[in-house]
Amino acid sequence: MLVPQVPHGGSGDRGRSRAHHPSTQHSVKTPHPQQLADAIQRLLANDWPAAHALVQDLDDPIAWRIHGLVHRIEGDLSNARYWYNKVGAQIDATRSVEDELTELREYLERDA
């Protein structure tokens, strides 16, 4: 299962500074589970700009995975890899975005 189990602010950072990515220079916060579910729903509806707005300032492994998916969908694979790496995951080109989103949604539902 690719759902991250990295604790908040944990080893998923892989030693990178927060200044590495522009979106992490804003106030960072822990998400409400509904915010993550809303971001997943936005991606499933092909509204990646809205999903990006929901997760870009969040400090959470699930948010980082969603953020990586946003950039994967828009074709910015370098940026997507950055966010996947934060949770110790790699982009799997054999998996569909929908499959990953379903996995994340199911994880959130179990954890609720």
C-alpha atoms as a PDB file:
ATOM      1  CA  MET A   1       0.000   0.000   0.000  1.00  0.00           C
ATOM      2  CA  LEU A   2       1.379   3.404  -0.955  1.00  0.00           C
ATOM      3  CA  VAL A   3      -0.501   5.475   1.607  1.00  0.00           C
ATOM      4  CA  PRO A   4       2.142   7.259   3.671  1.00  0.00           C
ATOM      5  CA  GLN A   5       2.645   6.344   7.290  1.00  0.00           C
ATOM      6  CA  VAL A   6       5.176   9.136   7.889  1.00  0.00           C
ATOM      7  CA  PRO A   7       4.555  11.161  11.066  1.00  0.00           C
ATOM      8  CA  HIS A   8       3.913  14.897  10.673  1.00  0.00           C
ATOM      9  CA  GLY A   9       7.166  16.731   9.954  1.00  0.00           C
ATOM     10  CA  GLY A  10       8.987  13.407  10.062  1.00  0.00           C
ATOM     11  CA  SER A  11      11.575  11.691   7.944  1.00  0.00           C
ATOM     12  CA  GLY A  12       9.508  12.259   4.809  1.00  0.00           C
ATOM     13  CA  ASP A  13      11.292  15.604   4.488  1.00  0.00           C
ATOM     14  CA  ARG A  14      14.434  13.724   3.420  1.00  0.00           C
ATOM     15  CA  GLY A  15      16.621  16.563   4.746  1.00  0.00           C
ATOM     16  CA  ARG A  16      15.300  19.172   2.311  1.00  0.00           C
ATOM     17  CA  SER A  17      14.792  22.688   3.567  1.00  0.00           C
ATOM     18  CA  ARG A  18      11.295  24.110   3.546  1.00  0.00           C
ATOM     19  CA  ALA A  19      12.581  26.857   1.221  1.00  0.00           C
ATOM     20  CA  HIS A  20      13.063  24.253  -1.557  1.00  0.00           C
ATOM     21  CA  HIS A  21       9.495  24.676  -2.733  1.00  0.00           C
ATOM     22  CA  PRO A  22       7.730  28.055  -2.933  1.00  0.00           C
ATOM     23  CA  SER A  23       4.412  26.802  -1.594  1.00  0.00           C
ATOM     24  CA  THR A  24       6.019  25.721   1.696  1.00  0.00           C
ATOM     25  CA  GLN A  25       7.067  29.280   2.493  1.00  0.00           C
ATOM     26  CA  HIS A  26       3.493  30.212   3.488  1.00  0.00           C
ATOM     27  CA  SER A  27       1.954  29.430   6.847  1.00  0.00           C
ATOM     28  CA  VAL A  28       1.869  25.662   7.164  1.00  0.00           C
ATOM     29  CA  LYS A  29      -0.881  23.882   9.001  1.00  0.00           C
ATOM     30  CA  THR A  30      -2.253  20.445   9.751  1.00  0.00           C
ATOM     31  CA  PRO A  31      -5.361  19.713   7.683  1.00  0.00           C
ATOM     32  CA  HIS A  32      -8.832  18.814   8.763  1.00  0.00           C
ATOM     33  CA  PRO A  33      -9.658  15.368   7.282  1.00  0.00           C
ATOM     34  CA  GLN A  34     -12.567  16.875   5.333  1.00  0.00           C
ATOM     35  CA  GLN A  35     -10.137  19.266   3.631  1.00  0.00           C
ATOM     36  CA  LEU A  36      -8.149  16.292   2.324  1.00  0.00           C
ATOM     37  CA  ALA A  37     -11.335  14.515   1.218  1.00  0.00           C
ATOM     38  CA  ASP A  38     -12.442  17.704  -0.575  1.00  0.00           C
ATOM     39  CA  ALA A  39      -9.085  17.915  -2.384  1.00  0.00           C
ATOM     40  CA  ILE A  40      -9.462  14.294  -3.545  1.00  0.00           C
ATOM     41  CA  GLN A  41     -12.995  15.036  -4.778  1.00  0.00           C
ATOM     42  CA  ARG A  42     -11.700  18.067  -6.697  1.00  0.00           C
ATOM     43  CA  LEU A  43      -9.074  15.919  -8.409  1.00  0.00           C
ATOM     44  CA  LEU A  44     -11.644  13.270  -9.282  1.00  0.00           C
ATOM     45  CA  ALA A  45     -13.688  16.091 -10.874  1.00  0.00           C
ATOM     46  CA  ASN A  46     -10.603  17.198 -12.877  1.00  0.00           C
ATOM     47  CA  ASP A  47     -10.344  20.464 -10.926  1.00  0.00           C
ATOM     48  CA  TRP A  48      -6.648  20.266 -10.067  1.00  0.00           C
ATOM     49  CA  PRO A  49      -6.260  24.049  -9.455  1.00  0.00           C
ATOM     50  CA  ALA A  50      -8.862  23.865  -6.655  1.00  0.00           C
ATOM     51  CA  ALA A  51      -7.251  20.731  -5.217  1.00  0.00           C
ATOM     52  CA  HIS A  52      -3.870  22.471  -5.296  1.00  0.00           C
ATOM     53  CA  ALA A  53      -5.289  25.459  -3.412  1.00  0.00           C
ATOM     54  CA  LEU A  54      -6.610  23.113  -0.706  1.00  0.00           C
ATOM     55  CA  VAL A  55      -3.330  21.247  -0.074  1.00  0.00           C
ATOM     56  CA  GLN A  56      -0.488  23.591  -0.996  1.00  0.00           C
ATOM     57  CA  ASP A  57       0.075  24.963   2.525  1.00  0.00           C
ATOM     58  CA  LEU A  58      -0.556  21.777   4.480  1.00  0.00           C
ATOM     59  CA  ASP A  59       2.026  19.892   6.527  1.00  0.00           C
ATOM     60  CA  ASP A  60       0.712  16.359   6.283  1.00  0.00           C
ATOM     61  CA  PRO A  61       1.817  13.207   4.424  1.00  0.00           C
ATOM     62  CA  ILE A  62      -1.592  12.665   2.804  1.00  0.00           C
ATOM     63  CA  ALA A  63      -1.630  16.297   1.672  1.00  0.00           C
ATOM     64  CA  TRP A  64       1.868  15.814   0.227  1.00  0.00           C
ATOM     65  CA  ARG A  65       0.636  12.774  -1.743  1.00  0.00           C
ATOM     66  CA  ILE A  66      -2.342  14.732  -3.052  1.00  0.00           C
ATOM     67  CA  HIS A  67      -0.019  17.622  -3.881  1.00  0.00           C
ATOM     68  CA  GLY A  68       2.188  15.220  -5.836  1.00  0.00           C
ATOM     69  CA  LEU A  69      -0.836  13.939  -7.722  1.00  0.00           C
ATOM     70  CA  VAL A  70      -1.850  17.503  -8.617  1.00  0.00           C
ATOM     71  CA  HIS A  71       1.531  18.062 -10.235  1.00  0.00           C
ATOM     72  CA  ARG A  72       1.466  14.637 -11.882  1.00  0.00           C
ATOM     73  CA  ILE A  73      -1.897  15.480 -13.461  1.00  0.00           C
ATOM     74  CA  GLU A  74      -0.693  18.856 -14.721  1.00  0.00           C
ATOM     75  CA  GLY A  75       2.402  17.209 -16.209  1.00  0.00           C
ATOM     76  CA  ASP A  76       4.965  18.791 -13.850  1.00  0.00           C
ATOM     77  CA  LEU A  77       6.706  15.510 -13.008  1.00  0.00           C
ATOM     78  CA  SER A  78       9.740  17.135 -11.401  1.00  0.00           C
ATOM     79  CA  ASN A  79       7.522  18.907  -8.891  1.00  0.00           C
ATOM     80  CA  ALA A  80       5.395  15.777  -8.462  1.00  0.00           C
ATOM     81  CA  ARG A  81       8.526  13.760  -7.604  1.00  0.00           C
ATOM     82  CA  TYR A  82       9.440  16.316  -4.927  1.00  0.00           C
ATOM     83  CA  TRP A  83       6.104  15.769  -3.144  1.00  0.00           C
ATOM     84  CA  TYR A  84       6.158  11.987  -3.570  1.00  0.00           C
ATOM     85  CA  ASN A  85       9.698  11.935  -2.164  1.00  0.00           C
ATOM     86  CA  LYS A  86       8.534  13.812   0.960  1.00  0.00           C
ATOM     87  CA  VAL A  87       6.528  10.703   1.887  1.00  0.00           C
ATOM     88  CA  GLY A  88       9.095   8.192   0.709  1.00  0.00           C
ATOM     89  CA  ALA A  89       7.088   7.186  -2.370  1.00  0.00           C
ATOM     90  CA  GLN A  90       7.866   7.131  -6.069  1.00  0.00           C
ATOM     91  CA  ILE A  91       5.644   7.884  -9.021  1.00  0.00           C
ATOM     92  CA  ASP A  92       4.408   4.590 -10.436  1.00  0.00           C
ATOM     93  CA  ALA A  93       3.566   5.222 -14.083  1.00  0.00           C
ATOM     94  CA  THR A  94       1.740   1.868 -14.205  1.00  0.00           C
ATOM     95  CA  ARG A  95      -0.853   3.117 -11.692  1.00  0.00           C
ATOM     96  CA  SER A  96      -3.585   5.498 -12.720  1.00  0.00           C
ATOM     97  CA  VAL A  97      -4.181   8.720 -10.867  1.00  0.00           C
ATOM     98  CA  GLU A  98      -7.724   7.499 -10.189  1.00  0.00           C
ATOM     99  CA  ASP A  99      -6.343   4.353  -8.540  1.00  0.00           C
ATOM    100  CA  GLU A 100      -4.123   6.416  -6.243  1.00  0.00           C
ATOM    101  CA  LEU A 101      -6.995   8.775  -5.399  1.00  0.00           C
ATOM    102  CA  THR A 102      -9.267   5.834  -4.586  1.00  0.00           C
ATOM    103  CA  GLU A 103      -6.585   4.408  -2.308  1.00  0.00           C
ATOM    104  CA  LEU A 104      -6.165   7.733  -0.507  1.00  0.00           C
ATOM    105  CA  ARG A 105      -9.917   8.229  -0.159  1.00  0.00           C
ATOM    106  CA  GLU A 106     -10.330   4.725   1.310  1.00  0.00           C
ATOM    107  CA  TYR A 107      -7.452   5.389   3.710  1.00  0.00           C
ATOM    108  CA  LEU A 108      -9.118   8.599   4.920  1.00  0.00           C
ATOM    109  CA  GLU A 109     -12.471   6.834   5.351  1.00  0.00           C
ATOM    110  CA  ARG A 110     -10.866   4.048   7.432  1.00  0.00           C
ATOM    111  CA  ASP A 111      -8.970   6.566   9.542  1.00  0.00           C
ATOM    112  CA  ALA A 112     -12.081   8.687  10.225  1.00  0.00           C
END
